[in-house]
Amino acid sequence: MQLDQGLPKGDSTVIALQGTIPWVVTVGSSSSYITFLDEASATITYVGSADPGTAGSSASWSIKRLNQLGSVLQIQYADGDANFDNIWDNRAALSYS
């Protein structure tokens, strides 16, 4: 799975590494969120978005899980919604639907 697959595009997109976690900031679009990507396995990738400067331990993240099932990419949201009320550091333990 490519890390940039399905990410929003704006006037300027910056991709960098913070430790081993790639992150993306899209500037010039209707919203400017930082996006963290975690390729947890060959089939599971977590995508978290929050305001720039938000700590991974803060309950201010919208998190989705991308699950590659053969030729199908399943997208599920933490708590079943896209609300900014999840903790990025807990992404693997959250419930997704």
PDB file of N, CA and C in Angstrom:
ATOM      1  N   MET A   1       0.842  -1.171   0.000  1.00  0.00           N
ATOM      2  CA  MET A   1       0.000   0.000   0.000  1.00  0.00           C
ATOM      3  C   MET A   1       0.886   1.232   0.000  1.00  0.00           C
ATOM      4  N   GLN A   2       0.636   2.183  -0.853  1.00  0.00           N
ATOM      5  CA  GLN A   2       1.414   3.400  -0.891  1.00  0.00           C
ATOM      6  C   GLN A   2       0.943   4.325   0.212  1.00  0.00           C
ATOM      7  N   LEU A   3       1.892   5.001   0.875  1.00  0.00           N
ATOM      8  CA  LEU A   3       1.537   5.866   1.986  1.00  0.00           C
ATOM      9  C   LEU A   3       0.714   7.066   1.565  1.00  0.00           C
ATOM     10  N   ASP A   4       0.844   7.539   0.338  1.00  0.00           N
ATOM     11  CA  ASP A   4       0.096   8.718  -0.087  1.00  0.00           C
ATOM     12  C   ASP A   4      -1.259   8.377  -0.688  1.00  0.00           C
ATOM     13  N   GLN A   5      -1.611   7.110  -0.706  1.00  0.00           N
ATOM     14  CA  GLN A   5      -2.869   6.679  -1.310  1.00  0.00           C
ATOM     15  C   GLN A   5      -4.056   7.220  -0.509  1.00  0.00           C
ATOM     16  N   GLY A   6      -4.939   7.959  -1.150  1.00  0.00           N
ATOM     17  CA  GLY A   6      -6.156   8.420  -0.515  1.00  0.00           C
ATOM     18  C   GLY A   6      -6.013   9.641   0.359  1.00  0.00           C
ATOM     19  N   LEU A   7      -4.849  10.265   0.390  1.00  0.00           N
ATOM     20  CA  LEU A   7      -4.665  11.443   1.221  1.00  0.00           C
ATOM     21  C   LEU A   7      -5.141  12.686   0.488  1.00  0.00           C
ATOM     22  N   PRO A   8      -5.630  13.668   1.253  1.00  0.00           N
ATOM     23  CA  PRO A   8      -6.111  14.886   0.603  1.00  0.00           C
ATOM     24  C   PRO A   8      -4.971  15.647  -0.045  1.00  0.00           C
ATOM     25  N   LYS A   9      -5.276  16.325  -1.142  1.00  0.00           N
ATOM     26  CA  LYS A   9      -4.292  17.150  -1.827  1.00  0.00           C
ATOM     27  C   LYS A   9      -4.707  18.601  -1.694  1.00  0.00           C
ATOM     28  N   GLY A  10      -3.771  19.473  -1.379  1.00  0.00           N
ATOM     29  CA  GLY A  10      -4.043  20.898  -1.277  1.00  0.00           C
ATOM     30  C   GLY A  10      -3.061  21.648  -2.136  1.00  0.00           C
ATOM     31  N   ASP A  11      -2.913  22.930  -1.879  1.00  0.00           N
ATOM     32  CA  ASP A  11      -1.965  23.728  -2.632  1.00  0.00           C
ATOM     33  C   ASP A  11      -0.531  23.293  -2.358  1.00  0.00           C
ATOM     34  N   SER A  12      -0.276  22.853  -1.129  1.00  0.00           N
ATOM     35  CA  SER A  12       1.070  22.434  -0.763  1.00  0.00           C
ATOM     36  C   SER A  12       0.976  21.282   0.215  1.00  0.00           C
ATOM     37  N   THR A  13       1.612  20.169  -0.102  1.00  0.00           N
ATOM     38  CA  THR A  13       1.615  19.018   0.786  1.00  0.00           C
ATOM     39  C   THR A  13       3.052  18.703   1.158  1.00  0.00           C
ATOM     40  N   VAL A  14       3.311  18.605   2.456  1.00  0.00           N
ATOM     41  CA  VAL A  14       4.644  18.319   2.965  1.00  0.00           C
ATOM     42  C   VAL A  14       4.615  16.943   3.601  1.00  0.00           C
ATOM     43  N   ILE A  15       5.528  16.082   3.207  1.00  0.00           N
ATOM     44  CA  ILE A  15       5.616  14.748   3.797  1.00  0.00           C
ATOM     45  C   ILE A  15       6.985  14.635   4.444  1.00  0.00           C
ATOM     46  N   ALA A  16       7.016  14.198   5.698  1.00  0.00           N
ATOM     47  CA  ALA A  16       8.275  14.074   6.438  1.00  0.00           C
ATOM     48  C   ALA A  16       8.154  12.897   7.401  1.00  0.00           C
ATOM     49  N   LEU A  17       9.222  12.617   8.107  1.00  0.00           N
ATOM     50  CA  LEU A  17       9.214  11.555   9.100  1.00  0.00           C
ATOM     51  C   LEU A  17       9.392  12.148  10.489  1.00  0.00           C
ATOM     52  N   GLN A  18       8.584  11.671  11.436  1.00  0.00           N
ATOM     53  CA  GLN A  18       8.775  11.993  12.845  1.00  0.00           C
ATOM     54  C   GLN A  18       9.088  10.659  13.499  1.00  0.00           C
ATOM     55  N   GLY A  19      10.342  10.409  13.771  1.00  0.00           N
ATOM     56  CA  GLY A  19      10.746   9.085  14.205  1.00  0.00           C
ATOM     57  C   GLY A  19      10.535   8.129  13.051  1.00  0.00           C
ATOM     58  N   THR A  20       9.701   7.113  13.257  1.00  0.00           N
ATOM     59  CA  THR A  20       9.409   6.163  12.185  1.00  0.00           C
ATOM     60  C   THR A  20       8.025   6.381  11.588  1.00  0.00           C
ATOM     61  N   ILE A  21       7.297   7.413  12.055  1.00  0.00           N
ATOM     62  CA  ILE A  21       5.942   7.645  11.586  1.00  0.00           C
ATOM     63  C   ILE A  21       5.925   8.778  10.574  1.00  0.00           C
ATOM     64  N   PRO A  22       5.555   8.502   9.328  1.00  0.00           N
ATOM     65  CA  PRO A  22       5.427   9.584   8.345  1.00  0.00           C
ATOM     66  C   PRO A  22       4.260  10.492   8.718  1.00  0.00           C
ATOM     67  N   TRP A  23       4.387  11.762   8.425  1.00  0.00           N
ATOM     68  CA  TRP A  23       3.268  12.678   8.631  1.00  0.00           C
ATOM     69  C   TRP A  23       3.157  13.619   7.462  1.00  0.00           C
ATOM     70  N   VAL A  24       1.948  14.121   7.281  1.00  0.00           N
ATOM     71  CA  VAL A  24       1.632  14.963   6.137  1.00  0.00           C
ATOM     72  C   VAL A  24       0.930  16.217   6.651  1.00  0.00           C
ATOM     73  N   VAL A  25       1.306  17.363   6.150  1.00  0.00           N
ATOM     74  CA  VAL A  25       0.575  18.593   6.425  1.00  0.00           C
ATOM     75  C   VAL A  25       0.119  19.149   5.091  1.00  0.00           C
ATOM     76  N   THR A  26      -1.175  19.369   4.949  1.00  0.00           N
ATOM     77  CA  THR A  26      -1.723  19.936   3.730  1.00  0.00           C
ATOM     78  C   THR A  26      -2.077  21.386   4.008  1.00  0.00           C
ATOM     79  N   VAL A  27      -1.475  22.292   3.271  1.00  0.00           N
ATOM     80  CA  VAL A  27      -1.674  23.721   3.464  1.00  0.00           C
ATOM     81  C   VAL A  27      -2.364  24.283   2.229  1.00  0.00           C
ATOM     82  N   GLY A  28      -3.272  25.200   2.437  1.00  0.00           N
ATOM     83  CA  GLY A  28      -3.939  25.837   1.311  1.00  0.00           C
ATOM     84  C   GLY A  28      -5.264  25.195   0.969  1.00  0.00           C
ATOM     85  N   SER A  29      -5.631  24.132   1.658  1.00  0.00           N
ATOM     86  CA  SER A  29      -6.944  23.546   1.451  1.00  0.00           C
ATOM     87  C   SER A  29      -7.898  24.180   2.460  1.00  0.00           C
ATOM     88  N   SER A  30      -9.131  23.718   2.499  1.00  0.00           N
ATOM     89  CA  SER A  30     -10.110  24.299   3.407  1.00  0.00           C
ATOM     90  C   SER A  30      -9.755  24.025   4.862  1.00  0.00           C
ATOM     91  N   SER A  31      -8.923  23.034   5.124  1.00  0.00           N
ATOM     92  CA  SER A  31      -8.472  22.745   6.474  1.00  0.00           C
ATOM     93  C   SER A  31      -6.986  22.414   6.442  1.00  0.00           C
ATOM     94  N   SER A  32      -6.312  22.745   7.508  1.00  0.00           N
ATOM     95  CA  SER A  32      -4.886  22.440   7.606  1.00  0.00           C
ATOM     96  C   SER A  32      -4.663  21.534   8.803  1.00  0.00           C
ATOM     97  N   TYR A  33      -4.747  20.245   8.577  1.00  0.00           N
ATOM     98  CA  TYR A  33      -4.518  19.259   9.622  1.00  0.00           C
ATOM     99  C   TYR A  33      -3.183  18.584   9.382  1.00  0.00           C
ATOM    100  N   ILE A  34      -2.578  18.141  10.479  1.00  0.00           N
ATOM    101  CA  ILE A  34      -1.420  17.268  10.359  1.00  0.00           C
ATOM    102  C   ILE A  34      -1.977  15.844  10.262  1.00  0.00           C
ATOM    103  N   THR A  35      -1.376  15.017   9.445  1.00  0.00           N
ATOM    104  CA  THR A  35      -1.829  13.638   9.271  1.00  0.00           C
ATOM    105  C   THR A  35      -0.673  12.696   9.544  1.00  0.00           C
ATOM    106  N   PHE A  36      -0.861  11.794  10.505  1.00  0.00           N
ATOM    107  CA  PHE A  36       0.133  10.772  10.813  1.00  0.00           C
ATOM    108  C   PHE A  36      -0.277   9.472  10.129  1.00  0.00           C
ATOM    109  N   LEU A  37       0.702   8.749   9.616  1.00  0.00           N
ATOM    110  CA  LEU A  37       0.475   7.450   8.987  1.00  0.00           C
ATOM    111  C   LEU A  37       1.303   6.398   9.711  1.00  0.00           C
ATOM    112  N   ASP A  38       0.688   5.270  10.015  1.00  0.00           N
ATOM    113  CA  ASP A  38       1.393   4.167  10.648  1.00  0.00           C
ATOM    114  C   ASP A  38       1.086   2.898   9.868  1.00  0.00           C
ATOM    115  N   GLU A  39       2.063   2.409   9.099  1.00  0.00           N
ATOM    116  CA  GLU A  39       1.918   1.128   8.405  1.00  0.00           C
ATOM    117  C   GLU A  39       2.220   0.035   9.414  1.00  0.00           C
ATOM    118  N   ALA A  40       1.184  -0.399  10.127  1.00  0.00           N
ATOM    119  CA  ALA A  40       1.349  -1.354  11.213  1.00  0.00           C
ATOM    120  C   ALA A  40       1.714  -2.749  10.706  1.00  0.00           C
ATOM    121  N   SER A  41       1.252  -3.086   9.510  1.00  0.00           N
ATOM    122  CA  SER A  41       1.570  -4.381   8.907  1.00  0.00           C
ATOM    123  C   SER A  41       1.435  -4.232   7.399  1.00  0.00           C
ATOM    124  N   ALA A  42       1.583  -5.347   6.700  1.00  0.00           N
ATOM    125  CA  ALA A  42       1.449  -5.318   5.241  1.00  0.00           C
ATOM    126  C   ALA A  42       0.019  -5.012   4.807  1.00  0.00           C
ATOM    127  N   THR A  43      -0.952  -5.217   5.700  1.00  0.00           N
ATOM    128  CA  THR A  43      -2.358  -5.023   5.338  1.00  0.00           C
ATOM    129  C   THR A  43      -3.068  -3.933   6.135  1.00  0.00           C
ATOM    130  N   ILE A  44      -2.476  -3.469   7.226  1.00  0.00           N
ATOM    131  CA  ILE A  44      -3.119  -2.481   8.100  1.00  0.00           C
ATOM    132  C   ILE A  44      -2.310  -1.187   8.139  1.00  0.00           C
ATOM    133  N   THR A  45      -2.976  -0.064   7.843  1.00  0.00           N
ATOM    134  CA  THR A  45      -2.380   1.260   7.969  1.00  0.00           C
ATOM    135  C   THR A  45      -3.349   2.128   8.758  1.00  0.00           C
ATOM    136  N   TYR A  46      -2.817   2.848   9.747  1.00  0.00           N
ATOM    137  CA  TYR A  46      -3.620   3.796  10.514  1.00  0.00           C
ATOM    138  C   TYR A  46      -3.330   5.195   9.999  1.00  0.00           C
ATOM    139  N   VAL A  47      -4.385   6.010   9.884  1.00  0.00           N
ATOM    140  CA  VAL A  47      -4.276   7.396   9.436  1.00  0.00           C
ATOM    141  C   VAL A  47      -4.938   8.262  10.501  1.00  0.00           C
ATOM    142  N   GLY A  48      -4.156   9.164  11.085  1.00  0.00           N
ATOM    143  CA  GLY A  48      -4.701  10.054  12.109  1.00  0.00           C
ATOM    144  C   GLY A  48      -4.532  11.496  11.704  1.00  0.00           C
ATOM    145  N   SER A  49      -5.573  12.306  11.909  1.00  0.00           N
ATOM    146  CA  SER A  49      -5.535  13.726  11.575  1.00  0.00           C
ATOM    147  C   SER A  49      -5.889  14.551  12.802  1.00  0.00           C
ATOM    148  N   ALA A  50      -5.184  15.668  12.961  1.00  0.00           N
ATOM    149  CA  ALA A  50      -5.441  16.577  14.079  1.00  0.00           C
ATOM    150  C   ALA A  50      -4.874  17.942  13.722  1.00  0.00           C
ATOM    151  N   ASP A  51      -5.157  18.924  14.555  1.00  0.00           N
ATOM    152  CA  ASP A  51      -4.562  20.244  14.364  1.00  0.00           C
ATOM    153  C   ASP A  51      -3.054  20.146  14.558  1.00  0.00           C
ATOM    154  N   PRO A  52      -2.274  20.919  13.800  1.00  0.00           N
ATOM    155  CA  PRO A  52      -0.818  20.911  13.979  1.00  0.00           C
ATOM    156  C   PRO A  52      -0.455  21.191  15.443  1.00  0.00           C
ATOM    157  N   GLY A  53       0.520  20.453  15.945  1.00  0.00           N
ATOM    158  CA  GLY A  53       0.976  20.617  17.321  1.00  0.00           C
ATOM    159  C   GLY A  53       0.242  19.762  18.334  1.00  0.00           C
ATOM    160  N   THR A  54      -0.787  19.021  17.900  1.00  0.00           N
ATOM    161  CA  THR A  54      -1.536  18.159  18.812  1.00  0.00           C
ATOM    162  C   THR A  54      -0.676  16.977  19.233  1.00  0.00           C
ATOM    163  N   ALA A  55      -0.602  16.729  20.527  1.00  0.00           N
ATOM    164  CA  ALA A  55       0.173  15.597  21.047  1.00  0.00           C
ATOM    165  C   ALA A  55      -0.534  14.287  20.712  1.00  0.00           C
ATOM    166  N   GLY A  56       0.246  13.240  20.483  1.00  0.00           N
ATOM    167  CA  GLY A  56      -0.320  11.921  20.210  1.00  0.00           C
ATOM    168  C   GLY A  56      -1.115  11.380  21.380  1.00  0.00           C
ATOM    169  N   SER A  57      -0.866  11.906  22.584  1.00  0.00           N
ATOM    170  CA  SER A  57      -1.561  11.460  23.791  1.00  0.00           C
ATOM    171  C   SER A  57      -2.846  12.250  24.052  1.00  0.00           C
ATOM    172  N   SER A  58      -3.147  13.225  23.202  1.00  0.00           N
ATOM    173  CA  SER A  58      -4.334  14.054  23.363  1.00  0.00           C
ATOM    174  C   SER A  58      -5.546  13.415  22.680  1.00  0.00           C
ATOM    175  N   ALA A  59      -6.709  13.514  23.305  1.00  0.00           N
ATOM    176  CA  ALA A  59      -7.949  12.970  22.729  1.00  0.00           C
ATOM    177  C   ALA A  59      -8.528  13.971  21.731  1.00  0.00           C
ATOM    178  N   SER A  60      -7.754  14.264  20.679  1.00  0.00           N
ATOM    179  CA  SER A  60      -8.129  15.279  19.691  1.00  0.00           C
ATOM    180  C   SER A  60      -7.884  14.809  18.262  1.00  0.00           C
ATOM    181  N   TRP A  61      -7.868  13.494  18.047  1.00  0.00           N
ATOM    182  CA  TRP A  61      -7.524  12.928  16.752  1.00  0.00           C
ATOM    183  C   TRP A  61      -8.728  12.272  16.084  1.00  0.00           C
ATOM    184  N   SER A  62      -8.812  12.395  14.771  1.00  0.00           N
ATOM    185  CA  SER A  62      -9.717  11.595  13.947  1.00  0.00           C
ATOM    186  C   SER A  62      -8.847  10.486  13.360  1.00  0.00           C
ATOM    187  N   ILE A  63      -9.209   9.242  13.626  1.00  0.00           N
ATOM    188  CA  ILE A  63      -8.358   8.110  13.222  1.00  0.00           C
ATOM    189  C   ILE A  63      -9.161   7.129  12.387  1.00  0.00           C
ATOM    190  N   LYS A  64      -8.550   6.697  11.287  1.00  0.00           N
ATOM    191  CA  LYS A  64      -9.161   5.636  10.496  1.00  0.00           C
ATOM    192  C   LYS A  64      -8.139   4.531  10.272  1.00  0.00           C
ATOM    193  N   ARG A  65      -8.667   3.334  10.064  1.00  0.00           N
ATOM    194  CA  ARG A  65      -7.829   2.167   9.793  1.00  0.00           C
ATOM    195  C   ARG A  65      -8.105   1.711   8.375  1.00  0.00           C
ATOM    196  N   LEU A  66      -7.033   1.575   7.589  1.00  0.00           N
ATOM    197  CA  LEU A  66      -7.124   1.051   6.230  1.00  0.00           C
ATOM    198  C   LEU A  66      -6.717  -0.412   6.286  1.00  0.00           C
ATOM    199  N   ASN A  67      -7.600  -1.281   5.828  1.00  0.00           N
ATOM    200  CA  ASN A  67      -7.362  -2.717   5.874  1.00  0.00           C
ATOM    201  C   ASN A  67      -7.425  -3.256   4.450  1.00  0.00           C
ATOM    202  N   GLN A  68      -6.288  -3.706   3.937  1.00  0.00           N
ATOM    203  CA  GLN A  68      -6.213  -4.250   2.579  1.00  0.00           C
ATOM    204  C   GLN A  68      -6.639  -5.709   2.611  1.00  0.00           C
ATOM    205  N   LEU A  69      -7.817  -5.990   2.038  1.00  0.00           N
ATOM    206  CA  LEU A  69      -8.360  -7.348   1.991  1.00  0.00           C
ATOM    207  C   LEU A  69      -8.319  -7.827   0.552  1.00  0.00           C
ATOM    208  N   GLY A  70      -7.195  -8.375   0.138  1.00  0.00           N
ATOM    209  CA  GLY A  70      -7.026  -8.765  -1.258  1.00  0.00           C
ATOM    210  C   GLY A  70      -7.037  -7.527  -2.126  1.00  0.00           C
ATOM    211  N   SER A  71      -7.992  -7.433  -3.036  1.00  0.00           N
ATOM    212  CA  SER A  71      -8.076  -6.272  -3.921  1.00  0.00           C
ATOM    213  C   SER A  71      -9.006  -5.187  -3.364  1.00  0.00           C
ATOM    214  N   VAL A  72      -9.536  -5.389  -2.164  1.00  0.00           N
ATOM    215  CA  VAL A  72     -10.473  -4.442  -1.545  1.00  0.00           C
ATOM    216  C   VAL A  72      -9.771  -3.688  -0.420  1.00  0.00           C
ATOM    217  N   LEU A  73      -9.905  -2.368  -0.423  1.00  0.00           N
ATOM    218  CA  LEU A  73      -9.392  -1.534   0.657  1.00  0.00           C
ATOM    219  C   LEU A  73     -10.567  -1.149   1.548  1.00  0.00           C
ATOM    220  N   GLN A  74     -10.580  -1.682   2.768  1.00  0.00           N
ATOM    221  CA  GLN A  74     -11.637  -1.391   3.732  1.00  0.00           C
ATOM    222  C   GLN A  74     -11.194  -0.207   4.590  1.00  0.00           C
ATOM    223  N   ILE A  75     -12.053   0.812   4.721  1.00  0.00           N
ATOM    224  CA  ILE A  75     -11.747   1.991   5.527  1.00  0.00           C
ATOM    225  C   ILE A  75     -12.728   2.020   6.689  1.00  0.00           C
ATOM    226  N   GLN A  76     -12.195   1.998   7.901  1.00  0.00           N
ATOM    227  CA  GLN A  76     -13.023   2.017   9.101  1.00  0.00           C
ATOM    228  C   GLN A  76     -12.537   3.141  10.013  1.00  0.00           C
ATOM    229  N   TYR A  77     -13.478   3.769  10.724  1.00  0.00           N
ATOM    230  CA  TYR A  77     -13.155   4.866  11.626  1.00  0.00           C
ATOM    231  C   TYR A  77     -13.168   4.408  13.075  1.00  0.00           C
ATOM    232  N   ALA A  78     -12.262   4.981  13.869  1.00  0.00           N
ATOM    233  CA  ALA A  78     -12.255   4.715  15.302  1.00  0.00           C
ATOM    234  C   ALA A  78     -13.599   5.152  15.872  1.00  0.00           C
ATOM    235  N   ASP A  79     -14.194   4.344  16.712  1.00  0.00           N
ATOM    236  CA  ASP A  79     -15.509   4.598  17.302  1.00  0.00           C
ATOM    237  C   ASP A  79     -16.606   4.664  16.245  1.00  0.00           C
ATOM    238  N   GLY A  80     -16.318   4.317  15.000  1.00  0.00           N
ATOM    239  CA  GLY A  80     -17.320   4.331  13.948  1.00  0.00           C
ATOM    240  C   GLY A  80     -17.649   5.706  13.404  1.00  0.00           C
ATOM    241  N   ASP A  81     -16.825   6.717  13.766  1.00  0.00           N
ATOM    242  CA  ASP A  81     -17.086   8.072  13.268  1.00  0.00           C
ATOM    243  C   ASP A  81     -15.770   8.809  13.035  1.00  0.00           C
ATOM    244  N   ALA A  82     -15.852   9.951  12.378  1.00  0.00           N
ATOM    245  CA  ALA A  82     -14.669  10.742  12.043  1.00  0.00           C
ATOM    246  C   ALA A  82     -14.431  11.879  13.034  1.00  0.00           C
ATOM    247  N   ASN A  83     -15.048  11.796  14.212  1.00  0.00           N
ATOM    248  CA  ASN A  83     -14.888  12.847  15.221  1.00  0.00           C
ATOM    249  C   ASN A  83     -13.444  12.944  15.705  1.00  0.00           C
ATOM    250  N   PHE A  84     -13.051  14.131  16.099  1.00  0.00           N
ATOM    251  CA  PHE A  84     -11.699  14.391  16.604  1.00  0.00           C
ATOM    252  C   PHE A  84     -11.685  14.188  18.116  1.00  0.00           C
ATOM    253  N   ASP A  85     -11.891  12.928  18.557  1.00  0.00           N
ATOM    254  CA  ASP A  85     -11.984  12.633  19.986  1.00  0.00           C
ATOM    255  C   ASP A  85     -11.231  11.360  20.386  1.00  0.00           C
ATOM    256  N   ASN A  86     -10.264  10.981  19.572  1.00  0.00           N
ATOM    257  CA  ASN A  86      -9.491   9.764  19.850  1.00  0.00           C
ATOM    258  C   ASN A  86      -8.033  10.099  20.137  1.00  0.00           C
ATOM    259  N   ILE A  87      -7.323   9.140  20.721  1.00  0.00           N
ATOM    260  CA  ILE A  87      -5.916   9.300  21.080  1.00  0.00           C
ATOM    261  C   ILE A  87      -5.069   8.515  20.082  1.00  0.00           C
ATOM    262  N   TRP A  88      -4.215   9.224  19.353  1.00  0.00           N
ATOM    263  CA  TRP A  88      -3.365   8.593  18.341  1.00  0.00           C
ATOM    264  C   TRP A  88      -2.508   7.488  18.949  1.00  0.00           C
ATOM    265  N   ASP A  89      -1.964   7.718  20.123  1.00  0.00           N
ATOM    266  CA  ASP A  89      -1.091   6.726  20.753  1.00  0.00           C
ATOM    267  C   ASP A  89      -1.812   5.412  21.050  1.00  0.00           C
ATOM    268  N   ASN A  90      -3.136   5.421  21.106  1.00  0.00           N
ATOM    269  CA  ASN A  90      -3.936   4.221  21.393  1.00  0.00           C
ATOM    270  C   ASN A  90      -4.565   3.609  20.143  1.00  0.00           C
ATOM    271  N   ARG A  91      -4.123   4.016  18.960  1.00  0.00           N
ATOM    272  CA  ARG A  91      -4.785   3.649  17.707  1.00  0.00           C
ATOM    273  C   ARG A  91      -4.987   2.147  17.520  1.00  0.00           C
ATOM    274  N   ALA A  92      -4.044   1.329  17.901  1.00  0.00           N
ATOM    275  CA  ALA A  92      -4.160  -0.115  17.662  1.00  0.00           C
ATOM    276  C   ALA A  92      -5.190  -0.766  18.582  1.00  0.00           C
ATOM    277  N   ALA A  93      -5.478  -0.140  19.723  1.00  0.00           N
ATOM    278  CA  ALA A  93      -6.412  -0.729  20.697  1.00  0.00           C
ATOM    279  C   ALA A  93      -7.839  -0.214  20.540  1.00  0.00           C
ATOM    280  N   LEU A  94      -8.076   0.744  19.650  1.00  0.00           N
ATOM    281  CA  LEU A  94      -9.405   1.331  19.482  1.00  0.00           C
ATOM    282  C   LEU A  94     -10.330   0.383  18.697  1.00  0.00           C
ATOM    283  N   SER A  95     -11.641   0.576  18.841  1.00  0.00           N
ATOM    284  CA  SER A  95     -12.634  -0.182  18.078  1.00  0.00           C
ATOM    285  C   SER A  95     -12.918   0.561  16.779  1.00  0.00           C
ATOM    286  N   TYR A  96     -12.974  -0.166  15.678  1.00  0.00           N
ATOM    287  CA  TYR A  96     -13.179   0.430  14.346  1.00  0.00           C
ATOM    288  C   TYR A  96     -14.410  -0.172  13.685  1.00  0.00           C
ATOM    289  N   SER A  97     -15.150   0.679  13.005  1.00  0.00           N
ATOM    290  CA  SER A  97     -16.291   0.197  12.209  1.00  0.00           C
ATOM    291  C   SER A  97     -16.624   1.231  11.150  1.00  0.00           C
TER     292      SER A  97
END
